[in-house]
N, C-alpha and C. Protein backbone atom coordinates (compact mmCIF):
# COMPACT_ATOMS: atom_id res chain seq x y z
N MET A 1 20.62 4.30 2.07
CA MET A 1 19.99 3.41 1.97
C MET A 1 18.60 3.73 3.03
N THR A 2 18.59 4.53 3.82
CA THR A 2 17.42 4.87 4.70
C THR A 2 16.61 5.63 3.55
N ALA A 3 16.87 6.56 2.39
CA ALA A 3 16.16 7.05 1.71
C ALA A 3 15.53 6.10 0.86
N ARG A 4 15.93 5.08 0.43
CA ARG A 4 15.46 4.07 -0.48
C ARG A 4 14.35 3.42 0.22
N ARG A 5 14.57 3.27 1.15
CA ARG A 5 13.78 2.32 2.15
C ARG A 5 12.57 3.13 2.37
N SER A 6 12.65 4.43 2.66
CA SER A 6 11.41 5.32 3.13
C SER A 6 10.87 5.79 1.83
N THR A 7 11.39 5.84 0.70
CA THR A 7 10.65 5.81 -0.37
C THR A 7 9.28 4.75 -1.03
N ARG A 8 9.98 3.64 -0.78
CA ARG A 8 9.08 2.63 -0.65
C ARG A 8 7.83 2.86 -0.02
N ALA A 9 8.09 3.07 1.52
CA ALA A 9 6.93 2.95 2.38
C ALA A 9 6.09 4.44 1.88
N THR A 10 7.03 5.36 1.61
CA THR A 10 6.01 6.62 1.34
C THR A 10 5.15 6.32 -0.14
N ALA A 11 5.49 5.71 -0.98
CA ALA A 11 4.96 5.40 -2.28
C ALA A 11 3.71 4.57 -1.83
N ALA A 12 3.86 3.63 -0.97
CA ALA A 12 2.66 2.85 -0.34
C ALA A 12 1.75 3.62 0.25
N VAL A 13 2.24 4.71 1.14
CA VAL A 13 1.06 5.56 1.60
C VAL A 13 0.54 6.37 0.60
N ALA A 14 1.18 6.84 -0.41
CA ALA A 14 0.77 7.71 -1.59
C ALA A 14 -0.37 7.01 -2.17
N ARG A 15 -0.20 5.61 -2.49
CA ARG A 15 -0.86 4.80 -3.30
C ARG A 15 -2.21 4.99 -2.31
N LEU A 16 -2.21 4.51 -0.99
CA LEU A 16 -3.51 4.24 -0.22
C LEU A 16 -4.19 5.58 -0.02
N ASN A 17 -3.51 6.59 -0.05
CA ASN A 17 -4.44 8.01 0.13
C ASN A 17 -5.10 8.31 -1.63
N GLU A 18 -4.56 7.72 -2.39
CA GLU A 18 -5.35 7.91 -3.59
C GLU A 18 -6.35 7.00 -3.63
N ARG A 19 -6.39 5.76 -3.08
CA ARG A 19 -7.45 4.91 -2.86
C ARG A 19 -8.70 5.41 -2.16
N CYS A 20 -8.34 5.69 -0.93
CA CYS A 20 -9.16 6.30 -0.08
C CYS A 20 -9.44 7.93 -0.29
N ALA A 21 -10.30 8.27 -1.09
CA ALA A 21 -10.54 9.68 -1.07
C ALA A 21 -11.36 10.01 0.02
N GLY A 22 -11.00 11.53 0.67
CA GLY A 22 -11.61 11.78 1.87
C GLY A 22 -10.71 11.57 3.10
N ARG A 23 -9.78 10.61 3.08
CA ARG A 23 -9.02 10.04 4.49
C ARG A 23 -7.84 10.61 4.07
N HIS A 24 -6.77 10.72 5.31
CA HIS A 24 -5.42 11.33 5.04
C HIS A 24 -4.69 10.38 5.99
N PHE A 25 -3.64 9.51 5.26
CA PHE A 25 -2.96 8.65 5.98
C PHE A 25 -1.39 9.47 5.82
N LEU A 26 -0.54 9.32 6.78
CA LEU A 26 0.86 9.69 6.97
C LEU A 26 1.55 8.35 7.79
N MET A 27 2.69 8.66 7.08
CA MET A 27 3.89 7.65 7.68
C MET A 27 4.73 8.05 8.69
N VAL A 28 5.14 7.45 9.50
CA VAL A 28 6.13 7.99 10.44
C VAL A 28 7.20 7.18 10.80
N MET A 29 8.71 7.40 10.45
CA MET A 29 9.65 6.57 10.99
C MET A 29 10.18 6.49 12.26
N THR A 30 10.52 5.45 12.98
CA THR A 30 10.92 5.65 14.33
C THR A 30 12.28 5.82 14.47
N GLY A 31 12.74 6.10 15.43
CA GLY A 31 14.27 5.90 15.81
C GLY A 31 14.99 4.62 15.57
N ASP A 32 14.36 3.63 15.68
CA ASP A 32 15.07 2.25 15.65
C ASP A 32 14.67 1.76 14.26
N GLY A 33 14.12 2.49 13.03
CA GLY A 33 13.90 2.10 11.72
C GLY A 33 12.74 1.43 11.31
N LEU A 34 11.78 1.26 12.45
CA LEU A 34 10.43 0.87 12.04
C LEU A 34 9.45 1.76 11.34
N PHE A 35 8.50 1.47 10.86
CA PHE A 35 7.48 2.45 10.18
C PHE A 35 6.20 2.13 10.69
N VAL A 36 5.30 3.32 11.00
CA VAL A 36 3.98 3.52 11.55
C VAL A 36 3.16 4.17 10.84
N LEU A 37 1.87 3.82 10.42
CA LEU A 37 0.90 4.39 9.60
C LEU A 37 -0.04 4.91 10.58
N ARG A 38 -0.29 6.22 10.35
CA ARG A 38 -1.30 7.05 10.87
C ARG A 38 -2.42 7.69 10.25
N GLU A 39 -3.38 7.70 10.73
CA GLU A 39 -4.53 8.71 9.86
C GLU A 39 -4.82 10.04 10.69
N ARG A 40 -4.79 10.81 9.95
CA ARG A 40 -5.54 12.10 10.57
C ARG A 40 -6.79 12.39 10.24
N THR A 41 -7.59 12.41 11.46
CA THR A 41 -9.49 12.80 11.36
C THR A 41 -9.26 13.94 11.95
N ALA A 42 -10.56 14.05 12.36
CA ALA A 42 -11.21 15.45 13.02
C ALA A 42 -10.72 15.32 14.52
N ASP A 43 -10.81 14.57 14.92
CA ASP A 43 -10.32 14.20 16.27
C ASP A 43 -8.87 14.03 16.70
N GLY A 44 -8.27 14.34 15.42
CA GLY A 44 -6.57 14.32 15.73
C GLY A 44 -5.99 13.15 14.83
N VAL A 45 -5.07 12.58 15.48
CA VAL A 45 -3.98 11.70 14.62
C VAL A 45 -4.20 10.41 15.49
N GLN A 46 -4.96 9.47 14.59
CA GLN A 46 -4.88 7.89 15.08
C GLN A 46 -4.05 6.82 14.58
N GLU A 47 -3.46 6.01 15.61
CA GLU A 47 -2.63 5.27 14.52
C GLU A 47 -3.30 3.85 13.96
N SER A 48 -3.08 3.75 12.71
CA SER A 48 -3.47 2.88 12.01
C SER A 48 -3.06 1.36 11.85
N VAL A 49 -1.65 1.44 11.87
CA VAL A 49 -0.72 0.21 11.82
C VAL A 49 0.49 0.18 12.51
N ALA A 50 0.50 -0.43 13.48
CA ALA A 50 1.50 -0.32 14.52
C ALA A 50 3.02 -0.43 13.86
N ALA A 51 4.32 0.10 14.80
CA ALA A 51 5.56 -0.45 14.22
C ALA A 51 5.79 -1.45 13.51
N LEU A 52 6.08 -1.29 12.32
CA LEU A 52 6.83 -2.60 11.50
C LEU A 52 7.78 -2.27 10.72
N PRO A 53 8.76 -3.44 10.52
CA PRO A 53 9.80 -3.51 9.50
C PRO A 53 9.06 -2.94 8.10
N LEU A 54 10.22 -2.53 7.26
CA LEU A 54 9.85 -1.97 5.90
C LEU A 54 8.46 -3.00 5.20
N ASP A 55 9.25 -4.20 4.97
CA ASP A 55 8.51 -5.13 4.19
C ASP A 55 7.10 -5.33 4.86
N ASP A 56 7.10 -5.53 5.85
CA ASP A 56 5.82 -5.79 6.34
C ASP A 56 4.96 -4.50 6.25
N PHE A 57 5.39 -3.33 6.77
CA PHE A 57 4.62 -2.24 6.43
C PHE A 57 3.87 -2.00 5.54
N VAL A 58 5.04 -2.20 4.19
CA VAL A 58 4.50 -1.97 2.78
C VAL A 58 3.35 -3.08 2.46
N LYS A 59 3.53 -4.26 2.99
CA LYS A 59 2.31 -5.63 2.80
C LYS A 59 1.12 -4.83 3.51
N ALA A 60 1.12 -4.45 4.95
CA ALA A 60 -0.02 -3.92 5.70
C ALA A 60 -0.54 -2.69 4.87
N VAL A 61 0.21 -1.92 4.37
CA VAL A 61 -0.27 -0.81 3.50
C VAL A 61 -1.16 -1.05 2.48
N ASN A 62 -0.48 -1.87 1.71
CA ASN A 62 -1.03 -2.46 0.32
C ASN A 62 -2.39 -3.18 0.53
N ALA A 63 -2.67 -3.72 1.59
CA ALA A 63 -3.91 -4.42 2.25
C ALA A 63 -4.83 -3.58 2.40
N LEU A 64 -4.74 -2.31 2.96
CA LEU A 64 -5.59 -1.45 3.47
C LEU A 64 -6.62 -1.03 2.35
N GLY A 65 -7.86 -0.48 2.50
CA GLY A 65 -8.48 0.44 1.56
C GLY A 65 -8.95 -0.54 0.53
N PRO A 66 -9.78 0.25 -0.31
CA PRO A 66 -10.36 -0.36 -1.36
C PRO A 66 -9.29 -0.85 -2.50
N GLN A 67 -9.34 -1.80 -3.15
CA GLN A 67 -8.04 -2.48 -3.91
C GLN A 67 -8.57 -2.16 -5.19
N VAL A 68 -7.48 -2.07 -5.95
CA VAL A 68 -7.54 -1.52 -7.48
C VAL A 68 -7.46 -2.67 -8.57
N VAL A 69 -8.83 -2.81 -9.25
CA VAL A 69 -8.88 -4.28 -9.96
C VAL A 69 -7.74 -4.11 -11.26
N PRO A 70 -7.17 -4.98 -11.44
CA PRO A 70 -6.11 -4.75 -12.52
C PRO A 70 -6.64 -4.83 -13.95
N ARG A 71 -6.44 -4.38 -14.86
CA ARG A 71 -6.98 -4.00 -15.95
C ARG A 71 -6.50 -5.15 -16.94
N VAL A 72 -7.51 -5.93 -17.52
CA VAL A 72 -7.27 -6.87 -18.28
C VAL A 72 -7.57 -6.50 -19.98
N THR A 73 -6.79 -6.69 -20.83
CA THR A 73 -7.09 -6.37 -22.17
C THR A 73 -7.54 -7.57 -22.77
N LYS A 74 -7.95 -7.56 -24.12
CA LYS A 74 -8.52 -8.65 -24.87
C LYS A 74 -7.41 -9.53 -25.02
N ASN A 75 -6.21 -9.25 -25.39
CA ASN A 75 -5.02 -10.03 -25.44
C ASN A 75 -4.65 -10.93 -24.55
N ASP A 76 -4.78 -10.18 -23.38
CA ASP A 76 -4.43 -10.98 -21.77
C ASP A 76 -5.48 -12.11 -21.57
N ALA A 77 -6.67 -11.82 -21.91
CA ALA A 77 -7.68 -12.76 -21.89
C ALA A 77 -7.70 -13.77 -22.89
N ALA A 78 -7.22 -13.78 -23.93
CA ALA A 78 -7.19 -14.56 -24.88
C ALA A 78 -5.94 -15.46 -24.64
N PHE A 79 -4.81 -14.77 -24.08
CA PHE A 79 -3.79 -15.57 -23.91
C PHE A 79 -3.89 -16.70 -22.55
N ALA A 80 -4.63 -16.35 -21.55
CA ALA A 80 -5.02 -16.88 -20.36
C ALA A 80 -6.02 -18.13 -20.86
N LYS A 81 -6.88 -17.61 -21.62
CA LYS A 81 -7.73 -18.92 -22.26
C LYS A 81 -7.06 -19.93 -22.72
N GLN A 82 -5.77 -19.61 -23.54
CA GLN A 82 -5.23 -20.61 -24.29
C GLN A 82 -4.40 -21.49 -23.29
N LEU A 83 -3.67 -20.74 -21.98
CA LEU A 83 -3.09 -21.44 -21.14
C LEU A 83 -3.86 -22.68 -20.46
N VAL A 84 -5.31 -22.33 -20.53
CA VAL A 84 -6.02 -23.03 -19.70
C VAL A 84 -6.39 -24.48 -20.56
N LYS A 85 -6.30 -23.98 -22.13
CA LYS A 85 -6.62 -25.17 -22.96
C LYS A 85 -5.47 -26.28 -22.92
N LYS A 86 -4.43 -25.62 -22.87
CA LYS A 86 -3.07 -26.57 -22.96
C LYS A 86 -2.92 -27.22 -21.62
N THR A 87 -3.26 -26.71 -20.46
CA THR A 87 -3.14 -27.80 -19.28
C THR A 87 -4.01 -28.57 -19.06
């Protein structure tokens, strides 16, 4: 169970590192099963997100940094337009 839990958190941190070029974030799992986000800087390692349970940690990490704008295809836009007309 722990491996699956930490995989979700690790994936969130990996996405954050991709969105924030030039910055390096890392995840630490505490002994009581909480997750901490830290950023490695020139001055050392600084804590970015305090110890949180898995779901709260993933939400906090996903909210950090620049957000990726979802891609909208022509078909998606046309479908959304039709939904607005019917309601």
